[in-house]
Protein backbone atom coordinates (compact mmCIF):
# COMPACT_ATOMS: atom_id res chain seq x y z
CA MET A 1 75.53 -47.76 26.72
CA LYS A 2 76.60 -51.20 25.53
CA ASN A 3 76.76 -51.54 21.77
CA LYS A 4 73.87 -53.96 21.14
CA PHE A 5 73.41 -53.09 17.50
CA GLU A 6 74.09 -55.17 14.39
CA GLU A 7 74.18 -52.58 11.59
CA ILE A 8 75.75 -49.66 13.47
CA GLU A 9 78.19 -49.08 16.30
CA VAL A 10 77.69 -46.52 19.06
CA ASN A 11 80.56 -45.26 21.20
CA ILE A 12 80.26 -42.79 24.07
CA GLY A 13 83.45 -41.18 25.37
CA SER A 14 84.14 -39.85 28.85
CA LEU A 15 83.93 -36.22 27.68
CA GLY A 16 80.55 -36.74 26.05
CA VAL A 17 82.05 -37.20 22.58
CA CYS A 18 79.83 -39.80 20.89
CA GLU A 19 80.14 -41.74 17.65
CA ILE A 20 77.52 -43.43 15.51
CA ILE A 21 79.28 -45.63 12.96
CA LEU A 22 77.46 -47.17 10.00
CA ASN A 23 78.64 -50.76 9.92
CA ARG A 24 77.53 -52.55 6.75
CA PRO A 25 80.76 -52.10 4.78
CA ASP A 26 80.11 -55.16 2.62
CA LYS A 27 76.83 -53.52 1.51
CA HIS A 28 78.39 -50.05 1.11
CA ASN A 29 76.51 -49.07 4.28
CA ALA A 30 73.20 -49.05 2.42
CA MET A 31 70.28 -48.56 4.80
CA ASN A 32 67.87 -51.43 5.39
CA ARG A 33 65.04 -51.39 7.90
CA ARG A 34 67.23 -52.73 10.71
CA MET A 35 69.82 -49.99 10.21
CA ILE A 36 67.08 -47.35 10.09
CA ASP A 37 65.59 -48.64 13.34
CA GLU A 38 68.99 -48.80 15.01
CA LEU A 39 69.82 -45.24 13.95
CA GLU A 40 66.46 -44.14 15.34
CA GLU A 41 67.07 -45.92 18.65
CA ALA A 42 70.59 -44.52 18.96
CA GLY A 43 69.39 -41.01 18.16
CA GLN A 44 66.59 -41.20 20.72
CA TYR A 45 68.99 -42.48 23.36
CA LEU A 46 71.64 -39.82 22.75
CA ALA A 47 69.02 -37.05 22.67
CA GLN A 48 68.12 -37.94 26.28
CA LEU A 49 71.70 -38.43 27.45
CA ASP A 50 72.67 -35.33 29.42
CA SER A 51 76.37 -36.14 29.24
CA ALA A 52 76.40 -36.27 25.42
CA ARG A 53 78.00 -33.11 24.02
CA VAL A 54 78.63 -33.89 20.34
CA VAL A 55 77.78 -36.77 17.99
CA PHE A 56 79.95 -37.82 15.05
CA LEU A 57 78.29 -39.81 12.28
CA GLN A 58 80.77 -41.83 10.24
CA ALA A 59 81.13 -45.20 8.53
CA ASN A 60 83.28 -48.28 8.33
CA GLY A 61 84.55 -49.24 4.89
CA THR A 62 85.16 -47.26 1.73
CA THR A 63 81.63 -45.89 1.29
CA PHE A 64 79.87 -43.51 3.68
CA CYS A 65 76.37 -44.60 2.63
CA ALA A 66 75.10 -45.82 -0.74
CA GLY A 67 71.51 -44.87 0.13
CA GLY A 68 68.65 -47.29 0.64
CA ASP A 69 69.36 -51.00 0.39
CA LEU A 70 67.79 -52.13 -2.87
CA ASN A 71 66.88 -55.53 -1.42
CA TRP A 72 64.87 -53.64 1.22
CA MET A 73 63.25 -51.54 -1.52
CA LYS A 74 62.48 -54.61 -3.62
CA ASP A 75 60.74 -56.18 -0.63
CA GLN A 76 58.25 -53.29 -0.66
CA GLU A 77 56.75 -54.72 -3.85
CA LYS A 78 55.11 -57.47 -1.80
CA LYS A 79 53.50 -55.08 0.69
CA SER A 80 50.23 -53.19 0.70
CA LYS A 81 50.19 -49.40 0.42
CA GLU A 82 49.94 -49.16 4.21
CA GLY A 83 52.88 -51.54 4.58
CA LYS A 84 54.94 -49.36 2.26
CA LEU A 85 53.95 -46.27 4.23
CA VAL A 86 55.14 -47.91 7.47
CA GLU A 87 58.60 -48.37 5.93
CA ALA A 88 58.71 -44.85 4.47
CA ARG A 89 57.62 -43.34 7.79
CA ALA A 90 60.36 -45.22 9.64
CA LEU A 91 62.96 -43.54 7.41
CA ALA A 92 61.31 -40.13 7.82
CA LYS A 93 61.15 -40.49 11.60
CA MET A 94 64.81 -41.48 11.84
CA LEU A 95 65.91 -38.47 9.78
CA ALA A 96 63.76 -36.19 11.95
CA THR A 97 65.34 -37.62 15.11
CA MET A 98 68.83 -36.97 13.78
CA ASN A 99 67.79 -33.52 12.56
CA THR A 100 66.57 -32.47 16.00
CA LEU A 101 69.38 -33.81 18.20
CA PRO A 102 69.99 -31.24 20.94
CA MET A 103 73.75 -31.42 20.46
CA PRO A 104 75.84 -30.88 17.29
CA LEU A 105 75.77 -33.72 14.75
CA ILE A 106 78.93 -33.85 12.61
CA SER A 107 79.25 -36.19 9.63
CA ILE A 108 82.66 -37.50 8.61
CA VAL A 109 82.36 -38.54 4.96
CA SER A 110 85.11 -40.71 3.47
CA GLY A 111 83.92 -42.17 0.21
CA SER A 112 80.60 -41.89 -1.58
CA ALA A 113 77.25 -40.67 -0.23
CA PHE A 114 74.27 -41.31 -2.47
CA GLY A 115 70.52 -41.06 -2.01
CA GLY A 116 69.67 -41.61 1.64
CA GLY A 117 73.34 -41.05 2.47
CA LEU A 118 72.87 -37.50 1.25
CA GLY A 119 69.84 -37.33 3.53
CA LEU A 120 72.00 -38.20 6.53
CA ILE A 121 74.48 -35.50 5.55
CA SER A 122 71.66 -32.98 5.15
CA VAL A 123 70.46 -33.45 8.75
CA SER A 124 74.02 -32.90 10.04
CA ASP A 125 75.15 -29.56 11.45
CA THR A 126 78.69 -29.86 10.09
CA VAL A 127 80.09 -32.07 7.35
CA ILE A 128 83.77 -32.94 6.95
CA ALA A 129 84.50 -34.79 3.71
CA SER A 130 87.52 -36.32 2.08
CA GLN A 131 88.62 -34.92 -1.27
CA LYS A 132 87.83 -38.26 -2.92
CA SER A 133 84.18 -38.29 -1.80
CA LYS A 134 81.39 -38.40 -4.37
CA PHE A 135 77.78 -37.37 -3.93
CA GLY A 136 74.50 -37.79 -5.77
CA LEU A 137 70.75 -38.12 -5.55
CA THR A 138 70.61 -41.19 -7.76
CA GLU A 139 67.02 -42.28 -7.08
CA THR A 140 65.69 -41.13 -10.45
CA ARG A 141 68.12 -43.47 -12.22
CA LEU A 142 66.12 -46.29 -10.60
CA GLY A 143 62.72 -44.82 -11.40
CA LEU A 144 62.35 -43.66 -7.80
CA ILE A 145 62.02 -40.23 -6.17
CA PRO A 146 64.19 -38.65 -3.42
CA ALA A 147 60.99 -37.99 -1.50
CA THR A 148 61.49 -38.63 2.22
CA ILE A 149 64.96 -37.11 2.24
CA GLY A 150 63.80 -34.27 -0.04
CA PRO A 151 62.74 -31.70 2.58
CA PHE A 152 66.06 -32.04 4.42
CA VAL A 153 68.14 -31.90 1.24
CA ILE A 154 66.36 -28.83 -0.13
CA LYS A 155 66.52 -27.15 3.27
CA LYS A 156 70.28 -27.63 3.13
CA LEU A 157 70.91 -26.79 -0.54
CA GLY A 158 68.20 -24.24 -1.29
CA GLU A 159 66.16 -24.26 -4.48
CA SER A 160 68.91 -23.15 -6.86
CA PHE A 161 71.37 -25.98 -6.14
CA GLY A 162 68.43 -28.29 -5.52
CA ARG A 163 67.25 -27.77 -9.10
CA ASN A 164 70.73 -28.66 -10.30
CA VAL A 165 71.01 -32.04 -8.56
CA PHE A 166 67.61 -33.07 -7.14
CA PHE A 167 66.26 -34.88 -10.18
CA SER A 168 69.26 -35.19 -12.53
CA GLY A 169 70.78 -38.24 -10.83
CA LYS A 170 74.23 -36.86 -11.58
CA ILE A 171 77.28 -37.59 -9.47
CA PHE A 172 79.24 -34.60 -8.17
CA ASP A 173 82.51 -34.21 -6.31
CA ALA A 174 83.49 -32.75 -2.95
CA ASN A 175 84.34 -29.34 -4.43
CA SER A 176 80.84 -29.05 -5.90
CA ALA A 177 79.33 -30.20 -2.61
CA TYR A 178 81.33 -27.49 -0.83
CA LYS A 179 80.04 -24.79 -3.19
CA MET A 180 76.48 -25.94 -2.53
CA GLY A 181 76.93 -25.71 1.23
CA LEU A 182 76.42 -29.45 1.64
CA VAL A 183 80.02 -29.89 2.84
CA HIS A 184 81.81 -27.45 5.15
CA TYR A 185 85.37 -28.79 5.06
CA ILE A 186 87.32 -30.82 2.50
CA CYS A 187 90.33 -32.81 3.67
CA GLU A 188 93.14 -34.43 1.76
CA ASP A 189 93.71 -37.33 4.13
CA LYS A 190 92.70 -38.98 7.40
CA LYS A 191 95.27 -36.97 9.36
CA GLU A 192 93.62 -33.72 8.29
CA ILE A 193 90.17 -35.14 9.07
CA ASP A 194 91.28 -36.14 12.57
CA LEU A 195 92.73 -32.67 13.15
CA LEU A 196 89.47 -30.98 12.13
CA LYS A 197 87.53 -33.42 14.27
CA SER A 198 89.65 -32.48 17.30
CA GLN A 199 89.14 -28.78 16.60
CA GLU A 200 85.37 -29.21 16.40
CA ILE A 201 85.37 -31.11 19.70
CA ASP A 202 87.48 -28.41 21.35
CA ASN A 203 85.15 -25.65 20.15
CA ILE A 204 81.96 -27.44 21.23
CA LEU A 205 83.22 -28.41 24.68
CA LYS A 206 83.89 -24.73 25.40
CA CYS A 207 80.18 -23.96 24.88
CA SER A 208 77.25 -24.32 27.25
CA PRO A 209 75.26 -27.49 26.39
CA GLU A 210 71.96 -25.73 27.10
CA ALA A 211 72.96 -22.72 25.02
CA ILE A 212 73.80 -25.04 22.08
CA LYS A 213 70.44 -26.80 22.44
CA LYS A 214 68.48 -23.55 22.54
CA SER A 215 70.52 -22.14 19.64
CA LYS A 216 69.72 -25.18 17.49
CA GLU A 217 66.03 -24.81 18.28
CA LEU A 218 66.15 -21.10 17.43
CA LEU A 219 67.95 -21.72 14.15
CA LYS A 220 65.27 -24.15 13.01
CA ASN A 221 62.53 -21.67 13.91
CA LEU A 222 64.30 -18.83 12.11
CA THR A 223 64.75 -20.73 8.86
CA GLY A 224 61.06 -21.14 8.10
CA GLU A 225 58.83 -24.15 7.63
CA LYS A 226 60.22 -27.31 9.21
CA ALA A 227 61.13 -30.27 7.01
CA GLU A 228 59.05 -32.54 9.24
CA SER A 229 55.85 -30.76 8.16
CA PHE A 230 56.16 -32.40 4.71
CA PHE A 231 56.25 -35.99 6.00
CA GLU A 232 52.72 -37.00 5.03
CA LEU A 233 53.33 -35.78 1.49
CA THR A 234 56.81 -37.27 1.07
CA THR A 235 56.14 -40.68 2.63
CA ASN A 236 53.17 -41.16 0.30
CA ILE A 237 55.29 -40.16 -2.69
CA LEU A 238 58.03 -42.61 -1.69
CA ALA A 239 55.55 -45.44 -1.15
CA ASN A 240 53.95 -44.74 -4.54
CA SER A 241 57.33 -44.68 -6.28
CA TRP A 242 58.18 -48.11 -4.83
CA ASP A 243 54.90 -49.34 -6.35
CA SER A 244 55.31 -47.59 -9.71
CA THR A 245 56.04 -49.41 -12.94
CA GLU A 246 59.29 -47.52 -13.48
CA GLY A 247 60.37 -48.05 -9.88
CA LYS A 248 59.93 -51.80 -10.22
CA GLN A 249 61.66 -51.79 -13.61
CA GLY A 250 64.59 -49.74 -12.33
CA ILE A 251 65.23 -51.93 -9.30
CA GLN A 252 64.89 -55.10 -11.38
CA ALA A 253 67.34 -53.74 -13.98
CA PHE A 254 69.84 -53.01 -11.22
CA PHE A 255 69.74 -56.59 -9.95
CA GLU A 256 70.00 -57.95 -13.49
CA LYS A 257 72.94 -55.61 -14.18
CA ARG A 258 71.38 -54.15 -17.31
CA PRO A 259 70.20 -50.66 -18.29
CA ALA A 260 66.72 -49.60 -17.25
CA PRO A 261 64.24 -49.56 -20.17
CA TRP A 262 64.27 -45.76 -20.40
CA VAL A 263 68.05 -45.66 -20.98
CA LYS A 264 68.64 -45.28 -24.72
CA LYS A 265 72.07 -45.65 -26.22
CA GLY A 266 72.96 -42.80 -28.50
CA GLU A 267 75.44 -40.17 -29.45
CA ASN A 268 75.45 -38.43 -26.07
CA ASN A 269 75.22 -41.29 -23.60
CA GLY A 270 77.38 -44.04 -25.11
């Protein structure tokens, strides 16, 4: 497969070791519609590629993924409700495609993962993170809701840890992410990450591809209601939050580099 993409890179090795690399480092790898569509296309292609054995999701630059591109979100203000739903559904569909890949999906996180970046991590089977990585569902700071990614995040974290981070907007470190089950391995440096990556490849290549595929399908059936069943609910919530007064105010405040109107200075928040 020739890399024809603009916002991502796709590499396919001779042993079936594949890489999807987020490639908007100047934008902190924030997801716009083009990146979402390219991730969807790459996922669909790899899902049908018999020679693909494992997929690594990683990023160029110092940030794994800052979430949704706020310019893309701001553009939703001009669209009708149906137009907003089209955009929200594209994000939901891409996450579902990544979630149901028939081979292992392993995220390599060096740097921060916020919002939709956390969604990408949540649809991964294994997550290897650097010690310096930071995480957060920061949508509520902008007057938005982590709606479309919500089913995947809660499926990964469970309700207890979900209650702790889902709506607080707080930033947490790699050790906290490990305790939540969001991250499986924490590495001190790139050398350690590369070693773990090699070990994961070695383990997976010893397994039957069909057995892995069937095991992934079984796991999703055993763990209850599928995240995809909430799409109609969550895409409507996301579209409505883009159109809400607070959503518009929060995005505008970000671009104007000022606090949102609900942020009050006081004794506890400086």
